[in-house]
Amino acid sequence: MKREDLKAIEGLTEEQINAVMRLHGLDAAAHQATVQGLQAQLATAQQGLAAFDGVDVNDLRSQITNLTNQLSQQAAEFAFNGVLRAAAHEAGALDENDAIALLPNRATLRESKNQAEDVKQAFADLKSRKPYLFQQGAPAPQDGAGPEPQPGNEPQGNPIIIPKPRSQGGNAQPTLQEFLAMTGAERMALRTRNPALFQQLSALVRAARH
């Protein structure tokens, strides 16, 4: 639109012509801004599509599904390990890692719908078969003699033997290496006779494994 075209229209004053031209300019500027905005959006969309050139969308979805499944499996394994450790601790395991390693049918327990109770029962069965892996009742020693097992807690088979002093001078406190060489029955006897030393040596063994 030109000013001359407006002047040719009879009856329009100069002010009216100026007003029309000003409105026309505003409309043109708004139109231009809209066009530029759409062109920018189109360029952004084209760049985004270019980033996916050669990408197999189905393969990408499969990878996402696999990663999601792996994360779910890891979360379930972490939760299962927590159930195992809690049950081992409740059962009185002297070493939770050893007791868990000897627990049978862990794969079946992992898939159990009644996992907590089944794991608890599995540790109870393990304790009855391998009592040396677990804490037993601590009877009071009599006149310096070895501790006598309480009724109902006697281990079947070989009796508990208190380890004799291994170092010179009659010192009955074993070193870490001597503690590692002890049998389960000897460790139980040491725990009854000297709980503080037993806990200290057990802590050193666990720290060495990490």
C-alpha atoms as a PDB file:
ATOM      1  CA  MET A   1       0.000   0.000   0.000  1.00  0.00           C
ATOM      2  CA  LYS A   2       1.308   3.420  -1.001  1.00  0.00           C
ATOM      3  CA  ARG A   3       0.460   6.894   0.303  1.00  0.00           C
ATOM      4  CA  GLU A   4      -0.430   8.033  -3.203  1.00  0.00           C
ATOM      5  CA  ASP A   5      -3.129   5.354  -3.400  1.00  0.00           C
ATOM      6  CA  LEU A   6      -4.728   6.723  -0.241  1.00  0.00           C
ATOM      7  CA  LYS A   7      -4.588  10.303  -1.446  1.00  0.00           C
ATOM      8  CA  ALA A   8      -6.544   9.248  -4.525  1.00  0.00           C
ATOM      9  CA  ILE A   9      -9.421   8.227  -2.303  1.00  0.00           C
ATOM     10  CA  GLU A  10     -11.759  11.182  -2.001  1.00  0.00           C
ATOM     11  CA  GLY A  11     -12.587  12.396   1.475  1.00  0.00           C
ATOM     12  CA  LEU A  12      -9.462  11.119   3.342  1.00  0.00           C
ATOM     13  CA  THR A  13      -7.636  13.768   5.315  1.00  0.00           C
ATOM     14  CA  GLU A  14      -3.875  13.841   5.817  1.00  0.00           C
ATOM     15  CA  GLU A  15      -4.256  12.659   9.401  1.00  0.00           C
ATOM     16  CA  GLN A  16      -6.377   9.734   8.305  1.00  0.00           C
ATOM     17  CA  ILE A  17      -3.859   8.814   5.649  1.00  0.00           C
ATOM     18  CA  ASN A  18      -1.028   8.924   8.244  1.00  0.00           C
ATOM     19  CA  ALA A  19      -3.048   6.728  10.615  1.00  0.00           C
ATOM     20  CA  VAL A  20      -3.714   4.127   7.915  1.00  0.00           C
ATOM     21  CA  MET A  21      -0.066   4.054   6.893  1.00  0.00           C
ATOM     22  CA  ARG A  22       1.020   3.651  10.548  1.00  0.00           C
ATOM     23  CA  LEU A  23      -1.373   0.722  11.082  1.00  0.00           C
ATOM     24  CA  HIS A  24      -0.226  -0.844   7.868  1.00  0.00           C
ATOM     25  CA  GLY A  25       3.378  -0.633   9.068  1.00  0.00           C
ATOM     26  CA  LEU A  26       2.532  -2.269  12.385  1.00  0.00           C
ATOM     27  CA  ASP A  27       0.709  -5.099  10.647  1.00  0.00           C
ATOM     28  CA  ALA A  28       3.625  -5.661   8.308  1.00  0.00           C
ATOM     29  CA  ALA A  29       6.109  -5.739  11.221  1.00  0.00           C
ATOM     30  CA  ALA A  30       3.963  -8.216  13.163  1.00  0.00           C
ATOM     31  CA  HIS A  31       3.619 -10.397  10.102  1.00  0.00           C
ATOM     32  CA  GLN A  32       7.374 -10.339   9.551  1.00  0.00           C
ATOM     33  CA  ALA A  33       8.024 -11.301  13.207  1.00  0.00           C
ATOM     34  CA  THR A  34       5.597 -14.204  12.931  1.00  0.00           C
ATOM     35  CA  VAL A  35       7.282 -15.444   9.760  1.00  0.00           C
ATOM     36  CA  GLN A  36      10.721 -15.228  11.352  1.00  0.00           C
ATOM     37  CA  GLY A  37       9.521 -17.102  14.430  1.00  0.00           C
ATOM     38  CA  LEU A  38       8.090 -19.912  12.322  1.00  0.00           C
ATOM     39  CA  GLN A  39      11.292 -20.093  10.283  1.00  0.00           C
ATOM     40  CA  ALA A  40      13.347 -20.439  13.519  1.00  0.00           C
ATOM     41  CA  GLN A  41      11.089 -23.239  14.789  1.00  0.00           C
ATOM     42  CA  LEU A  42      11.376 -25.033  11.451  1.00  0.00           C
ATOM     43  CA  ALA A  43      15.185 -24.819  11.565  1.00  0.00           C
ATOM     44  CA  THR A  44      15.247 -26.205  15.126  1.00  0.00           C
ATOM     45  CA  ALA A  45      12.982 -29.087  14.155  1.00  0.00           C
ATOM     46  CA  GLN A  46      15.141 -29.884  11.128  1.00  0.00           C
ATOM     47  CA  GLN A  47      18.281 -29.917  13.305  1.00  0.00           C
ATOM     48  CA  GLY A  48      16.588 -32.254  15.798  1.00  0.00           C
ATOM     49  CA  LEU A  49      15.605 -34.654  13.046  1.00  0.00           C
ATOM     50  CA  ALA A  50      19.134 -34.580  11.623  1.00  0.00           C
ATOM     51  CA  ALA A  51      20.455 -35.870  14.984  1.00  0.00           C
ATOM     52  CA  PHE A  52      18.419 -39.067  14.470  1.00  0.00           C
ATOM     53  CA  ASP A  53      19.622 -39.750  10.937  1.00  0.00           C
ATOM     54  CA  GLY A  54      20.612 -43.430  10.705  1.00  0.00           C
ATOM     55  CA  VAL A  55      19.193 -44.269  14.143  1.00  0.00           C
ATOM     56  CA  ASP A  56      17.110 -47.447  14.378  1.00  0.00           C
ATOM     57  CA  VAL A  57      14.225 -46.417  16.601  1.00  0.00           C
ATOM     58  CA  ASN A  58      13.244 -50.024  17.318  1.00  0.00           C
ATOM     59  CA  ASP A  59      16.800 -50.856  18.356  1.00  0.00           C
ATOM     60  CA  LEU A  60      16.860 -47.789  20.593  1.00  0.00           C
ATOM     61  CA  ARG A  61      13.640 -48.882  22.262  1.00  0.00           C
ATOM     62  CA  SER A  62      15.090 -52.375  22.765  1.00  0.00           C
ATOM     63  CA  GLN A  63      18.177 -50.929  24.451  1.00  0.00           C
ATOM     64  CA  ILE A  64      16.010 -48.836  26.759  1.00  0.00           C
ATOM     65  CA  THR A  65      13.951 -51.910  27.669  1.00  0.00           C
ATOM     66  CA  ASN A  66      17.084 -53.950  28.393  1.00  0.00           C
ATOM     67  CA  LEU A  67      18.568 -51.224  30.588  1.00  0.00           C
ATOM     68  CA  THR A  68      15.297 -50.894  32.473  1.00  0.00           C
ATOM     69  CA  ASN A  69      15.223 -54.652  33.090  1.00  0.00           C
ATOM     70  CA  GLN A  70      18.832 -54.632  34.305  1.00  0.00           C
ATOM     71  CA  LEU A  71      18.081 -51.831  36.744  1.00  0.00           C
ATOM     72  CA  SER A  72      15.067 -53.756  38.046  1.00  0.00           C
ATOM     73  CA  GLN A  73      17.163 -56.914  38.483  1.00  0.00           C
ATOM     74  CA  GLN A  74      19.879 -55.022  40.336  1.00  0.00           C
ATOM     75  CA  ALA A  75      17.309 -53.451  42.643  1.00  0.00           C
ATOM     76  CA  ALA A  76      15.774 -56.882  43.359  1.00  0.00           C
ATOM     77  CA  GLU A  77      19.227 -58.404  44.009  1.00  0.00           C
ATOM     78  CA  PHE A  78      20.116 -55.583  46.387  1.00  0.00           C
ATOM     79  CA  ALA A  79      16.856 -56.067  48.288  1.00  0.00           C
ATOM     80  CA  PHE A  80      17.401 -59.855  48.420  1.00  0.00           C
ATOM     81  CA  ASN A  81      20.914 -59.413  49.839  1.00  0.00           C
ATOM     82  CA  GLY A  82      19.434 -57.173  52.502  1.00  0.00           C
ATOM     83  CA  VAL A  83      16.937 -59.912  53.452  1.00  0.00           C
ATOM     84  CA  LEU A  84      19.769 -62.487  53.612  1.00  0.00           C
ATOM     85  CA  ARG A  85      21.946 -60.329  55.856  1.00  0.00           C
ATOM     86  CA  ALA A  86      19.087 -59.457  58.178  1.00  0.00           C
ATOM     87  CA  ALA A  87      18.131 -63.123  58.539  1.00  0.00           C
ATOM     88  CA  ALA A  88      21.755 -64.202  59.052  1.00  0.00           C
ATOM     89  CA  HIS A  89      22.175 -61.601  61.768  1.00  0.00           C
ATOM     90  CA  GLU A  90      18.928 -62.635  63.448  1.00  0.00           C
ATOM     91  CA  ALA A  91      20.020 -66.288  63.374  1.00  0.00           C
ATOM     92  CA  GLY A  92      23.253 -65.322  65.167  1.00  0.00           C
ATOM     93  CA  ALA A  93      25.739 -66.012  62.366  1.00  0.00           C
ATOM     94  CA  LEU A  94      29.343 -65.626  63.520  1.00  0.00           C
ATOM     95  CA  ASP A  95      30.198 -64.435  60.016  1.00  0.00           C
ATOM     96  CA  GLU A  96      27.280 -63.349  57.837  1.00  0.00           C
ATOM     97  CA  ASN A  97      29.210 -63.810  54.580  1.00  0.00           C
ATOM     98  CA  ASP A  98      30.179 -67.398  55.449  1.00  0.00           C
ATOM     99  CA  ALA A  99      26.635 -68.304  56.480  1.00  0.00           C
ATOM    100  CA  ILE A 100      25.129 -66.766  53.326  1.00  0.00           C
ATOM    101  CA  ALA A 101      27.682 -68.538  51.109  1.00  0.00           C
ATOM    102  CA  LEU A 102      26.694 -71.924  52.599  1.00  0.00           C
ATOM    103  CA  LEU A 103      22.955 -71.269  52.355  1.00  0.00           C
ATOM    104  CA  PRO A 104      21.450 -73.723  49.820  1.00  0.00           C
ATOM    105  CA  ASN A 105      18.797 -72.963  47.204  1.00  0.00           C
ATOM    106  CA  ARG A 106      19.449 -69.223  47.106  1.00  0.00           C
ATOM    107  CA  ALA A 107      18.061 -68.981  43.574  1.00  0.00           C
ATOM    108  CA  THR A 108      14.784 -70.516  44.753  1.00  0.00           C
ATOM    109  CA  LEU A 109      14.687 -68.221  47.770  1.00  0.00           C
ATOM    110  CA  ARG A 110      15.248 -65.191  45.534  1.00  0.00           C
ATOM    111  CA  GLU A 111      12.098 -66.004  43.555  1.00  0.00           C
ATOM    112  CA  SER A 112      10.015 -66.911  46.609  1.00  0.00           C
ATOM    113  CA  LYS A 113       6.754 -65.016  47.080  1.00  0.00           C
ATOM    114  CA  ASN A 114       7.181 -65.427  50.842  1.00  0.00           C
ATOM    115  CA  GLN A 115      10.845 -64.504  50.734  1.00  0.00           C
ATOM    116  CA  ALA A 116      11.452 -63.196  54.263  1.00  0.00           C
ATOM    117  CA  GLU A 117       9.893 -66.203  56.017  1.00  0.00           C
ATOM    118  CA  ASP A 118      11.474 -68.739  53.660  1.00  0.00           C
ATOM    119  CA  VAL A 119      14.936 -67.211  54.126  1.00  0.00           C
ATOM    120  CA  LYS A 120      14.472 -67.217  57.894  1.00  0.00           C
ATOM    121  CA  GLN A 121      13.537 -70.909  57.820  1.00  0.00           C
ATOM    122  CA  ALA A 122      16.494 -71.694  55.544  1.00  0.00           C
ATOM    123  CA  PHE A 123      18.895 -70.170  58.083  1.00  0.00           C
ATOM    124  CA  ALA A 124      17.215 -72.125  60.872  1.00  0.00           C
ATOM    125  CA  ASP A 125      17.796 -75.342  58.900  1.00  0.00           C
ATOM    126  CA  LEU A 126      21.406 -74.356  58.225  1.00  0.00           C
ATOM    127  CA  LYS A 127      21.936 -73.629  61.923  1.00  0.00           C
ATOM    128  CA  SER A 128      20.673 -77.084  62.864  1.00  0.00           C
ATOM    129  CA  ARG A 129      23.016 -78.739  60.346  1.00  0.00           C
ATOM    130  CA  LYS A 130      26.078 -76.507  60.857  1.00  0.00           C
ATOM    131  CA  PRO A 131      25.817 -75.065  64.379  1.00  0.00           C
ATOM    132  CA  TYR A 132      29.474 -73.999  64.404  1.00  0.00           C
ATOM    133  CA  LEU A 133      28.559 -71.154  62.019  1.00  0.00           C
ATOM    134  CA  PHE A 134      26.278 -69.559  64.595  1.00  0.00           C
ATOM    135  CA  GLN A 135      26.397 -68.189  68.107  1.00  0.00           C
ATOM    136  CA  GLN A 136      25.332 -70.603  70.796  1.00  0.00           C
ATOM    137  CA  GLY A 137      24.127 -70.055  74.364  1.00  0.00           C
ATOM    138  CA  ALA A 138      26.986 -68.921  76.612  1.00  0.00           C
ATOM    139  CA  PRO A 139      27.143 -71.082  79.790  1.00  0.00           C
ATOM    140  CA  ALA A 140      28.993 -69.907  82.885  1.00  0.00           C
ATOM    141  CA  PRO A 141      32.514 -71.415  83.286  1.00  0.00           C
ATOM    142  CA  GLN A 142      33.073 -73.562  86.369  1.00  0.00           C
ATOM    143  CA  ASP A 143      36.332 -73.442  88.420  1.00  0.00           C
ATOM    144  CA  GLY A 144      38.464 -72.522  85.456  1.00  0.00           C
ATOM    145  CA  ALA A 145      37.386 -75.574  83.524  1.00  0.00           C
ATOM    146  CA  GLY A 146      36.051 -75.413  80.004  1.00  0.00           C
ATOM    147  CA  PRO A 147      32.426 -74.247  79.554  1.00  0.00           C
ATOM    148  CA  GLU A 148      29.822 -76.959  79.752  1.00  0.00           C
ATOM    149  CA  PRO A 149      27.123 -76.829  77.083  1.00  0.00           C
ATOM    150  CA  GLN A 150      23.632 -75.989  78.235  1.00  0.00           C
ATOM    151  CA  PRO A 151      20.964 -78.698  77.920  1.00  0.00           C
ATOM    152  CA  GLY A 152      19.590 -78.818  74.405  1.00  0.00           C
ATOM    153  CA  ASN A 153      22.522 -76.834  72.943  1.00  0.00           C
ATOM    154  CA  GLU A 154      25.103 -79.622  72.872  1.00  0.00           C
ATOM    155  CA  PRO A 155      26.566 -79.942  69.357  1.00  0.00           C
ATOM    156  CA  GLN A 156      26.252 -83.403  67.948  1.00  0.00           C
ATOM    157  CA  GLY A 157      29.481 -85.267  67.318  1.00  0.00           C
ATOM    158  CA  ASN A 158      32.788 -83.900  68.575  1.00  0.00           C
ATOM    159  CA  PRO A 159      32.744 -81.925  71.862  1.00  0.00           C
ATOM    160  CA  ILE A 160      33.821 -78.292  72.023  1.00  0.00           C
ATOM    161  CA  ILE A 161      37.538 -77.996  72.723  1.00  0.00           C
ATOM    162  CA  ILE A 162      38.962 -74.821  74.208  1.00  0.00           C
ATOM    163  CA  PRO A 163      42.128 -73.920  72.287  1.00  0.00           C
ATOM    164  CA  LYS A 164      45.255 -74.259  74.329  1.00  0.00           C
ATOM    165  CA  PRO A 165      47.661 -71.321  74.654  1.00  0.00           C
ATOM    166  CA  ARG A 166      49.580 -71.032  71.408  1.00  0.00           C
ATOM    167  CA  SER A 167      52.198 -68.530  72.462  1.00  0.00           C
ATOM    168  CA  GLN A 168      55.029 -68.695  74.989  1.00  0.00           C
ATOM    169  CA  GLY A 169      54.548 -67.714  78.621  1.00  0.00           C
ATOM    170  CA  GLY A 170      51.076 -69.267  78.954  1.00  0.00           C
ATOM    171  CA  ASN A 171      49.301 -66.450  77.102  1.00  0.00           C
ATOM    172  CA  ALA A 172      45.892 -67.844  76.014  1.00  0.00           C
ATOM    173  CA  GLN A 173      45.097 -64.995  73.640  1.00  0.00           C
ATOM    174  CA  PRO A 174      45.558 -66.161  70.022  1.00  0.00           C
ATOM    175  CA  THR A 175      46.925 -63.916  67.299  1.00  0.00           C
ATOM    176  CA  LEU A 176      44.968 -63.130  64.132  1.00  0.00           C
ATOM    177  CA  GLN A 177      46.780 -65.867  62.207  1.00  0.00           C
ATOM    178  CA  GLU A 178      46.050 -68.371  64.963  1.00  0.00           C
ATOM    179  CA  PHE A 179      42.407 -67.249  64.995  1.00  0.00           C
ATOM    180  CA  LEU A 180      42.143 -67.866  61.241  1.00  0.00           C
ATOM    181  CA  ALA A 181      43.535 -71.372  61.738  1.00  0.00           C
ATOM    182  CA  MET A 182      40.953 -72.253  64.406  1.00  0.00           C
ATOM    183  CA  THR A 183      38.056 -74.573  63.710  1.00  0.00           C
ATOM    184  CA  GLY A 184      34.486 -73.440  64.194  1.00  0.00           C
ATOM    185  CA  ALA A 185      34.304 -75.224  67.542  1.00  0.00           C
ATOM    186  CA  GLU A 186      37.490 -73.541  68.742  1.00  0.00           C
ATOM    187  CA  ARG A 187      36.152 -70.120  67.790  1.00  0.00           C
ATOM    188  CA  MET A 188      32.935 -70.797  69.688  1.00  0.00           C
ATOM    189  CA  ALA A 189      34.944 -71.743  72.740  1.00  0.00           C
ATOM    190  CA  LEU A 190      37.052 -68.573  72.454  1.00  0.00           C
ATOM    191  CA  ARG A 191      33.900 -66.477  72.159  1.00  0.00           C
ATOM    192  CA  THR A 192      32.548 -68.021  75.372  1.00  0.00           C
ATOM    193  CA  ARG A 193      35.819 -67.575  77.251  1.00  0.00           C
ATOM    194  CA  ASN A 194      36.797 -64.154  75.953  1.00  0.00           C
ATOM    195  CA  PRO A 195      33.948 -62.396  74.058  1.00  0.00           C
ATOM    196  CA  ALA A 196      35.830 -59.107  73.690  1.00  0.00           C
ATOM    197  CA  LEU A 197      38.844 -60.759  72.061  1.00  0.00           C
ATOM    198  CA  PHE A 198      36.573 -62.826  69.814  1.00  0.00           C
ATOM    199  CA  GLN A 199      34.741 -59.709  68.595  1.00  0.00           C
ATOM    200  CA  GLN A 200      38.058 -57.903  67.994  1.00  0.00           C
ATOM    201  CA  LEU A 201      39.530 -60.751  65.927  1.00  0.00           C
ATOM    202  CA  SER A 202      36.262 -61.242  63.996  1.00  0.00           C
ATOM    203  CA  ALA A 203      36.230 -57.529  63.116  1.00  0.00           C
ATOM    204  CA  LEU A 204      39.822 -57.789  61.813  1.00  0.00           C
ATOM    205  CA  VAL A 205      38.861 -60.775  59.635  1.00  0.00           C
ATOM    206  CA  ARG A 206      35.864 -58.913  58.158  1.00  0.00           C
ATOM    207  CA  ALA A 207      37.970 -55.820  57.492  1.00  0.00           C
ATOM    208  CA  ALA A 208      40.600 -57.899  55.684  1.00  0.00           C
ATOM    209  CA  ARG A 209      37.972 -59.289  53.329  1.00  0.00           C
ATOM    210  CA  HIS A 210      36.910 -55.841  52.071  1.00  0.00           C
END
